[in-house]
Protein backbone atom coordinates (compact mmCIF):
# COMPACT_ATOMS: atom_id res chain seq x y z
CA MET A 1 0.03 -0.03 -0.08
CA ALA A 2 1.41 3.57 -0.93
CA VAL A 3 2.34 5.85 1.83
CA LEU A 4 1.56 9.50 2.49
CA ASN A 5 -1.92 9.23 0.93
CA MET A 6 -0.37 8.73 -2.58
CA ARG A 7 -2.76 6.91 -4.89
CA GLY A 8 -2.63 3.18 -5.85
CA THR A 9 -0.29 0.39 -4.70
CA GLY A 10 2.73 2.67 -4.49
CA SER A 11 4.40 1.27 -7.62
CA PHE A 12 3.95 1.68 -11.33
CA ALA A 13 2.55 -1.31 -13.17
CA ALA A 14 4.44 -2.43 -16.08
CA ASP A 15 1.79 -0.97 -18.54
CA HIS A 16 1.26 2.24 -16.54
CA ARG A 17 0.38 5.31 -18.69
CA PRO A 18 1.24 8.60 -16.80
CA GLU A 19 -1.71 10.93 -16.42
CA ASN A 20 0.29 13.99 -16.66
CA TRP A 21 3.94 15.18 -17.22
CA ARG A 22 4.49 15.36 -13.37
CA GLN A 23 3.77 11.70 -13.18
CA LYS A 24 6.17 11.13 -16.10
CA TYR A 25 8.79 13.08 -14.17
CA LEU A 26 8.24 10.88 -11.19
CA MET A 27 8.65 7.75 -13.31
CA LEU A 28 11.79 9.19 -14.88
CA GLU A 29 13.34 10.71 -11.80
CA PRO A 30 11.71 9.36 -8.61
CA ASN A 31 14.69 10.88 -6.57
CA GLY A 32 15.47 13.83 -8.73
CA SER A 33 15.62 17.41 -7.93
CA ALA A 34 11.88 17.90 -7.49
CA PRO A 35 10.56 15.22 -5.05
CA LEU A 36 7.72 17.23 -3.82
CA THR A 37 6.37 18.05 -7.27
CA ALA A 38 6.73 14.22 -8.12
CA ILE A 39 4.83 13.26 -4.82
CA LEU A 40 2.14 15.73 -5.48
CA SER A 41 1.52 14.16 -8.81
CA MET A 42 0.20 10.98 -7.03
CA LEU A 43 -1.90 13.05 -4.67
CA PRO A 44 -5.33 14.49 -5.26
CA SER A 45 -5.18 17.74 -7.44
CA GLU A 46 -7.89 20.09 -8.34
CA LYS A 47 -8.62 22.37 -11.34
CA THR A 48 -9.49 25.85 -10.73
CA ASP A 49 -11.26 28.13 -13.05
CA ASP A 50 -9.72 31.42 -11.48
CA PRO A 51 -5.95 32.29 -10.85
CA GLU A 52 -7.09 33.40 -7.44
CA TYR A 53 -8.46 30.48 -5.30
CA HIS A 54 -9.45 30.80 -1.73
CA ASN A 55 -9.44 28.35 1.25
CA PHE A 56 -11.59 28.57 4.31
CA ARG A 57 -10.14 27.36 7.61
CA LYS A 58 -11.74 27.08 10.96
CA ASP A 59 -9.62 26.49 14.19
CA LEU A 60 -11.80 25.57 17.13
CA PRO A 61 -10.46 26.97 20.39
CA ASN A 62 -8.77 24.99 23.20
CA TRP A 63 -11.19 26.18 25.80
CA THR A 64 -8.43 26.90 28.15
CA GLY A 65 -7.54 30.22 30.02
CA VAL A 66 -5.43 31.75 32.65
CA VAL A 67 -6.66 33.40 35.97
CA LYS A 68 -5.90 37.23 35.82
CA ALA A 69 -4.55 39.10 38.64
CA GLY A 70 -7.07 41.07 40.53
CA SER A 71 -9.79 38.33 40.28
CA SER A 72 -11.65 38.32 43.41
CA ALA A 73 -11.34 34.63 43.69
CA ILE A 74 -7.61 34.89 44.27
CA ALA A 75 -6.85 33.69 47.70
CA SER A 76 -10.38 33.02 48.47
CA THR A 77 -12.63 29.84 48.65
CA SER A 78 -15.83 31.75 48.19
CA ALA A 79 -15.36 34.89 46.11
CA THR A 80 -16.96 34.60 42.62
CA GLY A 81 -14.79 36.69 40.41
CA VAL A 82 -12.69 34.89 37.91
CA ASP A 83 -11.19 37.12 35.09
CA PHE A 84 -9.42 35.81 31.88
CA VAL A 85 -5.88 37.16 31.29
CA THR A 86 -6.54 36.88 27.43
CA VAL A 87 -10.00 38.38 26.58
CA ALA A 88 -10.06 36.05 23.28
CA ASP A 89 -10.22 32.99 25.77
CA ALA A 90 -13.37 34.31 27.35
CA THR A 91 -14.98 34.73 24.09
CA PHE A 92 -15.57 30.85 24.04
CA ALA A 93 -16.89 30.76 27.60
CA ARG A 94 -20.72 30.94 28.28
CA PRO A 95 -23.11 30.48 31.37
CA GLY A 96 -23.54 26.81 32.28
CA GLN A 97 -20.02 25.74 31.31
CA LEU A 98 -18.00 23.87 33.91
CA TRP A 99 -14.36 24.83 34.32
CA LYS A 100 -11.56 23.15 36.27
CA ASN A 101 -8.52 24.79 37.87
CA ALA A 102 -5.46 22.65 36.58
CA THR A 103 -3.56 23.58 39.87
CA THR A 104 -6.18 23.10 42.70
CA ASN A 105 -8.68 20.81 40.70
CA GLU A 106 -11.41 22.86 41.88
CA VAL A 107 -14.53 22.60 39.46
CA PHE A 108 -16.66 25.85 39.14
CA LYS A 109 -19.56 26.84 36.89
CA ILE A 110 -19.65 29.94 34.80
CA ALA A 111 -22.52 32.25 35.94
CA THR A 112 -21.87 35.28 33.60
CA ILE A 113 -19.21 36.25 31.32
CA ASN A 114 -18.32 39.47 29.55
CA ALA A 115 -16.65 38.60 26.29
CA SER A 116 -15.41 42.14 25.81
CA THR A 117 -13.52 42.44 28.94
CA GLY A 118 -12.82 38.79 29.90
CA ALA A 119 -14.46 39.33 33.39
CA GLY A 120 -16.61 36.68 34.59
CA THR A 121 -18.50 35.42 37.69
CA VAL A 122 -18.68 31.79 38.78
CA VAL A 123 -20.38 29.25 41.05
CA ARG A 124 -17.60 27.99 43.31
CA GLY A 125 -16.80 24.54 44.52
CA VAL A 126 -18.96 22.30 42.23
CA GLY A 127 -19.05 18.86 43.77
CA ASN A 128 -17.46 20.12 46.96
CA SER A 129 -20.69 21.61 48.72
CA GLY A 130 -19.79 25.12 47.05
CA THR A 131 -16.58 25.44 48.90
CA GLY A 132 -13.62 26.39 46.50
CA VAL A 133 -9.97 26.25 46.82
CA ASN A 134 -7.84 29.32 46.96
CA MET A 135 -6.98 30.44 43.45
CA ALA A 136 -3.83 32.44 42.29
CA ALA A 137 -2.92 34.66 39.42
CA GLY A 138 -1.59 32.60 36.50
CA HIS A 139 -3.46 29.40 37.29
CA VAL A 140 -4.52 27.53 34.16
CA ILE A 141 -8.31 26.83 33.92
CA TYR A 142 -10.02 24.62 31.34
CA MET A 143 -13.59 23.86 30.22
CA ILE A 144 -14.88 20.27 31.03
CA GLY A 145 -18.28 20.49 29.63
CA ASN A 146 -21.65 22.14 30.52
CA VAL A 147 -24.35 21.40 33.02
CA ASN A 148 -28.12 22.02 32.73
CA ALA A 149 -31.01 21.60 35.09
CA GLU A 150 -34.17 19.50 34.30
CA GLY A 151 -36.53 21.73 32.18
CA SER A 152 -34.06 24.51 31.84
CA ALA A 153 -34.15 27.03 29.00
CA ILE A 154 -31.83 26.57 25.95
CA PRO A 155 -28.46 27.88 26.84
CA SER A 156 -26.72 30.72 24.91
CA SER A 157 -24.97 29.65 21.66
CA ILE A 158 -21.41 30.42 20.54
CA SER A 159 -20.52 30.86 16.81
CA TYR A 160 -17.10 29.69 15.29
CA ASP A 161 -16.23 31.55 12.15
CA ALA A 162 -14.01 30.44 9.40
CA ALA A 163 -11.09 32.50 8.19
CA SER A 164 -10.51 32.94 4.46
CA THR A 165 -7.04 32.68 2.90
CA GLU A 166 -6.05 33.02 -0.76
CA ASN A 167 -3.25 32.03 -3.09
CA TYR A 168 -2.44 32.46 -6.81
CA THR A 169 -1.66 30.31 -9.78
CA GLN A 170 1.60 31.10 -11.42
CA ILE A 171 2.55 30.67 -15.09
CA PHE A 172 5.74 28.58 -15.48
CA ARG A 173 7.10 28.59 -19.14
CA THR A 174 10.36 26.61 -20.02
CA PRO A 175 11.04 26.66 -23.81
CA TYR A 176 13.87 24.75 -25.83
CA SER A 177 14.96 25.05 -29.40
CA ILE A 178 17.06 23.23 -31.91
CA SER A 179 17.85 24.15 -35.39
CA ARG A 180 16.68 21.98 -38.43
CA THR A 181 20.29 21.20 -39.11
CA ALA A 182 21.01 19.89 -35.53
CA MET A 183 17.93 17.81 -35.70
CA HIS A 184 19.17 15.74 -38.60
CA THR A 185 22.73 15.66 -37.33
CA ASN A 186 24.07 12.44 -35.99
CA PHE A 187 25.51 13.41 -32.38
CA ARG A 188 27.68 10.91 -30.41
CA THR A 189 25.63 11.91 -27.48
CA GLY A 190 22.39 10.86 -28.93
CA ASP A 191 19.36 12.65 -30.06
CA GLN A 192 19.76 16.31 -29.30
CA TYR A 193 16.04 17.07 -29.55
CA LEU A 194 15.05 14.49 -26.96
CA GLU A 195 17.95 15.60 -24.69
CA LYS A 196 16.84 19.15 -24.78
CA SER A 197 13.29 18.11 -24.06
CA ARG A 198 14.45 16.01 -21.04
CA ASP A 199 16.56 18.95 -19.70
CA ALA A 200 13.70 21.43 -20.22
CA LEU A 201 11.33 19.34 -18.32
CA LYS A 202 13.74 18.86 -15.41
CA GLU A 203 14.25 22.62 -15.25
CA HIS A 204 10.54 23.10 -15.39
CA MET A 205 9.86 20.86 -12.50
CA VAL A 206 12.66 22.29 -10.45
CA GLY A 207 11.30 25.79 -10.98
CA MET A 208 7.91 24.62 -9.74
CA GLU A 209 9.37 22.88 -6.83
CA ARG A 210 11.36 26.00 -5.67
CA ALA A 211 8.16 28.02 -6.06
CA PHE A 212 6.11 25.63 -4.07
CA MET A 213 8.95 25.76 -1.32
CA PHE A 214 9.97 29.45 -1.30
CA GLY A 215 7.50 31.44 -3.15
CA LYS A 216 5.80 34.53 -1.81
CA LYS A 217 2.24 35.30 -3.25
CA SER A 218 1.85 38.40 -5.21
CA SER A 219 -0.70 39.87 -7.91
CA ASP A 220 0.24 43.15 -9.84
CA ALA A 221 -2.22 45.57 -11.12
CA ALA A 222 -1.39 45.24 -14.81
CA SER A 223 -4.07 44.52 -17.35
CA LEU A 224 -2.29 41.38 -18.11
CA THR A 225 -1.64 40.31 -14.50
CA GLU A 226 1.63 38.69 -13.24
CA ARG A 227 0.94 36.46 -10.35
CA THR A 228 3.28 34.41 -7.97
CA THR A 229 2.19 31.50 -5.86
CA GLU A 230 2.92 31.21 -2.16
CA GLY A 231 5.33 28.39 -1.00
CA LEU A 232 5.48 26.31 2.05
CA PHE A 233 8.17 28.15 3.93
CA THR A 234 6.28 31.25 3.65
CA ALA A 235 2.78 29.83 4.31
CA ILE A 236 3.60 27.75 7.43
CA THR A 237 4.16 30.02 10.52
CA THR A 238 2.44 28.56 13.61
CA ASN A 239 4.49 25.53 14.09
CA MET A 240 7.76 26.73 12.55
CA SER A 241 10.64 26.88 15.00
CA ASP A 242 13.68 28.88 14.26
CA SER A 243 16.36 27.14 16.35
CA ALA A 244 18.34 30.34 16.46
CA SER A 245 15.82 31.43 19.19
CA ALA A 246 13.32 28.53 19.70
CA PHE A 247 15.40 26.44 21.85
CA ALA A 248 17.58 26.68 24.98
CA SER A 249 20.69 27.01 23.00
CA ALA A 250 20.95 28.87 19.87
CA ASN A 251 20.85 26.57 16.69
CA VAL A 252 21.24 23.49 19.03
CA VAL A 253 18.10 20.99 19.55
CA THR A 254 18.51 18.49 22.13
CA GLU A 255 16.89 15.09 22.04
CA ALA A 256 14.27 16.04 24.65
CA GLU A 257 13.67 19.32 22.72
CA PHE A 258 13.09 17.36 19.56
CA ASP A 259 10.61 15.11 21.27
CA THR A 260 8.77 18.05 22.66
CA PHE A 261 8.60 19.59 19.14
CA LEU A 262 7.20 16.22 17.62
CA ALA A 263 4.47 16.21 20.37
CA GLU A 264 3.51 19.81 20.55
CA LYS A 265 4.16 21.00 16.96
CA ALA A 266 4.73 18.37 14.45
CA PHE A 267 1.98 16.02 15.34
CA ALA A 268 -0.37 18.40 17.52
CA TYR A 269 -2.66 18.51 14.59
CA GLY A 270 -3.63 16.30 11.64
CA SER A 271 -2.35 12.92 10.45
CA SER A 272 -0.35 10.52 12.39
CA GLU A 273 1.98 9.98 9.43
CA LYS A 274 3.79 12.83 7.84
CA LEU A 275 6.39 13.74 5.13
CA ALA A 276 9.53 15.29 6.49
CA ILE A 277 11.63 17.13 3.87
CA CYS A 278 15.10 18.15 5.17
CA GLY A 279 18.76 18.90 4.21
CA TRP A 280 21.43 16.21 4.87
CA LYS A 281 22.55 17.87 7.93
CA VAL A 282 19.05 17.60 9.56
CA ALA A 283 18.73 14.03 8.28
CA GLU A 284 22.01 13.34 10.07
CA HIS A 285 20.68 14.82 13.39
CA ILE A 286 17.48 12.58 13.08
CA GLN A 287 19.47 9.40 12.45
CA LYS A 288 21.58 10.23 15.49
CA ILE A 289 18.45 10.76 17.81
CA ALA A 290 16.79 7.72 16.28
CA LYS A 291 19.57 5.34 17.25
CA ALA A 292 18.27 2.69 19.61
CA ARG A 293 14.98 4.45 19.73
CA TRP A 294 13.22 4.35 16.34
CA GLN A 295 13.81 1.54 13.88
CA PRO A 296 14.17 2.96 10.44
CA VAL A 297 12.38 1.30 7.49
CA ASP A 298 12.97 1.86 3.79
CA TYR A 299 9.57 2.60 2.14
CA SER A 300 10.78 3.31 -1.54
CA GLY A 301 9.06 0.26 -2.62
CA GLU A 302 5.61 1.55 -1.52
CA SER A 303 6.21 5.19 -2.74
CA TYR A 304 6.65 4.94 -6.41
CA GLY A 305 10.41 4.76 -6.04
CA VAL A 306 10.83 7.81 -3.94
CA SER A 307 13.57 7.00 -1.41
CA LEU A 308 11.89 7.38 2.05
CA THR A 309 13.19 6.49 5.44
CA SER A 310 10.56 5.87 7.93
CA TYR A 311 10.92 6.61 11.71
CA LYS A 312 7.92 5.45 13.93
CA THR A 313 8.31 7.89 16.85
CA PHE A 314 6.13 8.06 20.03
CA ALA A 315 4.20 10.97 18.44
CA GLY A 316 3.67 9.71 14.92
CA THR A 317 5.56 8.31 11.87
CA LEU A 318 8.02 10.64 10.05
CA GLN A 319 8.69 9.62 6.27
CA VAL A 320 12.04 11.45 5.88
CA LYS A 321 13.29 12.58 2.42
CA THR A 322 16.66 14.20 2.02
CA HIS A 323 15.94 16.90 -0.57
CA PRO A 324 18.69 17.38 -3.25
CA MET A 325 17.80 21.05 -3.61
CA PHE A 326 18.68 21.58 0.04
CA ARG A 327 22.37 20.62 -0.82
CA GLN A 328 22.34 23.18 -3.69
CA ILE A 329 21.21 26.11 -1.72
CA PRO A 330 23.78 27.36 1.10
CA GLY A 331 22.22 26.98 4.44
CA MET A 332 19.27 24.91 3.47
CA GLU A 333 20.95 21.77 4.69
CA LYS A 334 20.02 22.87 8.24
CA ASN A 335 16.29 23.13 7.46
CA LEU A 336 13.34 20.71 8.02
CA ILE A 337 9.79 20.93 7.04
CA ILE A 338 7.28 18.49 7.92
CA LEU A 339 4.08 18.10 5.80
CA ASP A 340 0.71 16.61 6.26
CA THR A 341 0.11 15.51 2.61
CA LYS A 342 -3.59 15.26 3.02
CA ASP A 343 -3.64 18.96 3.65
CA LEU A 344 -1.74 20.00 0.46
CA ARG A 345 -3.53 20.47 -2.96
CA TYR A 346 -1.96 20.92 -6.24
CA ARG A 347 -4.11 23.59 -7.98
CA PHE A 348 -4.10 24.35 -11.65
CA ILE A 349 -5.60 26.21 -14.59
CA ASP A 350 -3.51 24.15 -17.14
CA ASP A 351 -1.36 21.23 -15.92
CA THR A 352 2.02 20.75 -17.27
CA GLN A 353 1.79 20.29 -21.11
CA LEU A 354 4.28 20.16 -24.04
CA MET A 355 3.39 22.94 -26.38
CA LYS A 356 4.93 22.24 -29.85
CA ASP A 357 5.98 24.57 -32.68
CA ARG A 358 6.19 27.91 -30.75
CA GLN A 359 8.77 29.30 -33.12
CA SER A 360 8.21 32.23 -35.21
CA ALA A 361 7.15 31.70 -38.81
CA GLY A 362 10.00 31.20 -41.21
CA THR A 363 12.39 30.19 -38.34
CA ASP A 364 14.94 27.48 -39.61
CA GLY A 365 14.22 25.24 -36.58
CA VAL A 366 11.87 24.18 -33.88
CA THR A 367 10.98 25.69 -30.50
CA ASP A 368 8.75 23.87 -28.11
CA GLU A 369 8.04 24.77 -24.39
CA TYR A 370 6.72 23.31 -21.34
CA LEU A 371 3.77 25.41 -19.84
CA THR A 372 2.14 25.05 -16.61
CA GLU A 373 -0.22 27.40 -14.70
CA CYS A 374 -0.60 26.19 -11.08
CA GLY A 375 -0.22 26.85 -7.51
CA LEU A 376 0.03 25.10 -4.18
CA GLU A 377 -2.95 25.18 -1.73
CA VAL A 378 -2.36 24.58 1.97
CA LEU A 379 -5.66 23.48 3.38
CA GLN A 380 -4.78 23.50 7.11
CA GLU A 381 -1.67 25.43 8.07
CA LYS A 382 -1.55 24.10 11.58
CA THR A 383 -0.92 20.54 10.45
CA HIS A 384 2.51 21.22 9.08
CA ALA A 385 5.63 22.23 10.93
CA GLY A 386 9.33 22.83 10.59
CA ILE A 387 12.71 23.64 12.16
CA LEU A 388 15.12 26.14 10.64
CA ASN A 389 18.85 26.71 11.26
CA TRP A 390 19.45 23.35 12.93
CA ASN A 391 23.20 23.31 13.28
CA ALA A 392 23.72 20.55 15.95
CA ILE A 393 22.19 18.37 18.54
CA ALA A 394 23.11 17.90 22.26
């Protein structure tokens, strides 16, 4: 069975006919310079009828909060004032909800809440005859359901609104030319037209790959609009950790810190199996951490020839792919990006196609080009993660 939600059995049948040029590239170069583009060719894609496409994301809250200094319930077992430090946390509290103090284990019921200020009144000591436990500023509190009396009126409702994001398709064009004479010349290196065609396809796929990784979305105001698509390193922000400042020592990630990163960021949302694309240095770090802990497995036979090393961690399964492009760009060998492939979508107006005879009339030769108008859609941003500038482990 194929891994990472890729279609089919994970290997090409002897009589397989590629559905597009991206699949053709995967067959030719399963471990070439554009592995993400190749993997995307075997994932669901979606045609768009507009160069700007929208995605709606809804994040439900954690229903947690922190007791604010000045609340009357502080240092009291009976006072009823509990205010939230962060007003946004109070937005999702409503009368009738039960909340629990993570430090004291006291359960209390929300009586009133002011969503504009975060100030609330509560019924103390639920399950303890109305006697509470002294609270303190900074205590974490969390919702544990709601309670309703027999025959009670319907409680207040809470709405959760989706947020809209957008991205654009980008037009990629890669031409190649050959003179009439060269087409009929017998070169020792083989058919020059076919060689130029292969080289152009590789260049085309690398260009798309780098846009999907590093692009920044833009759209100018010209009548013939030029648009660029947003890449993963720009789109993913919530769970992206720069090791220059995110960990105890600059540019160093300890084994314990990596475990925490896996639990609290990489696998906090989404699937239990994810694709980890990284540079060789990060792959070396993961291999050292994995020794005697996680048994690596080679999954290339189940991923259409793409060489993946699987690590089954306590938090989830990482399918690790060392990206050749991360060796070509200085500094990228220290970077890691973890992707939930079910939340990535290849969007296109025109999928990759070979356009023939693009030369001007009267030209003594042939010019063809590969053309694609496409973009990458990140369906849920929080299901992806990454580490930047990871120099060493400790």
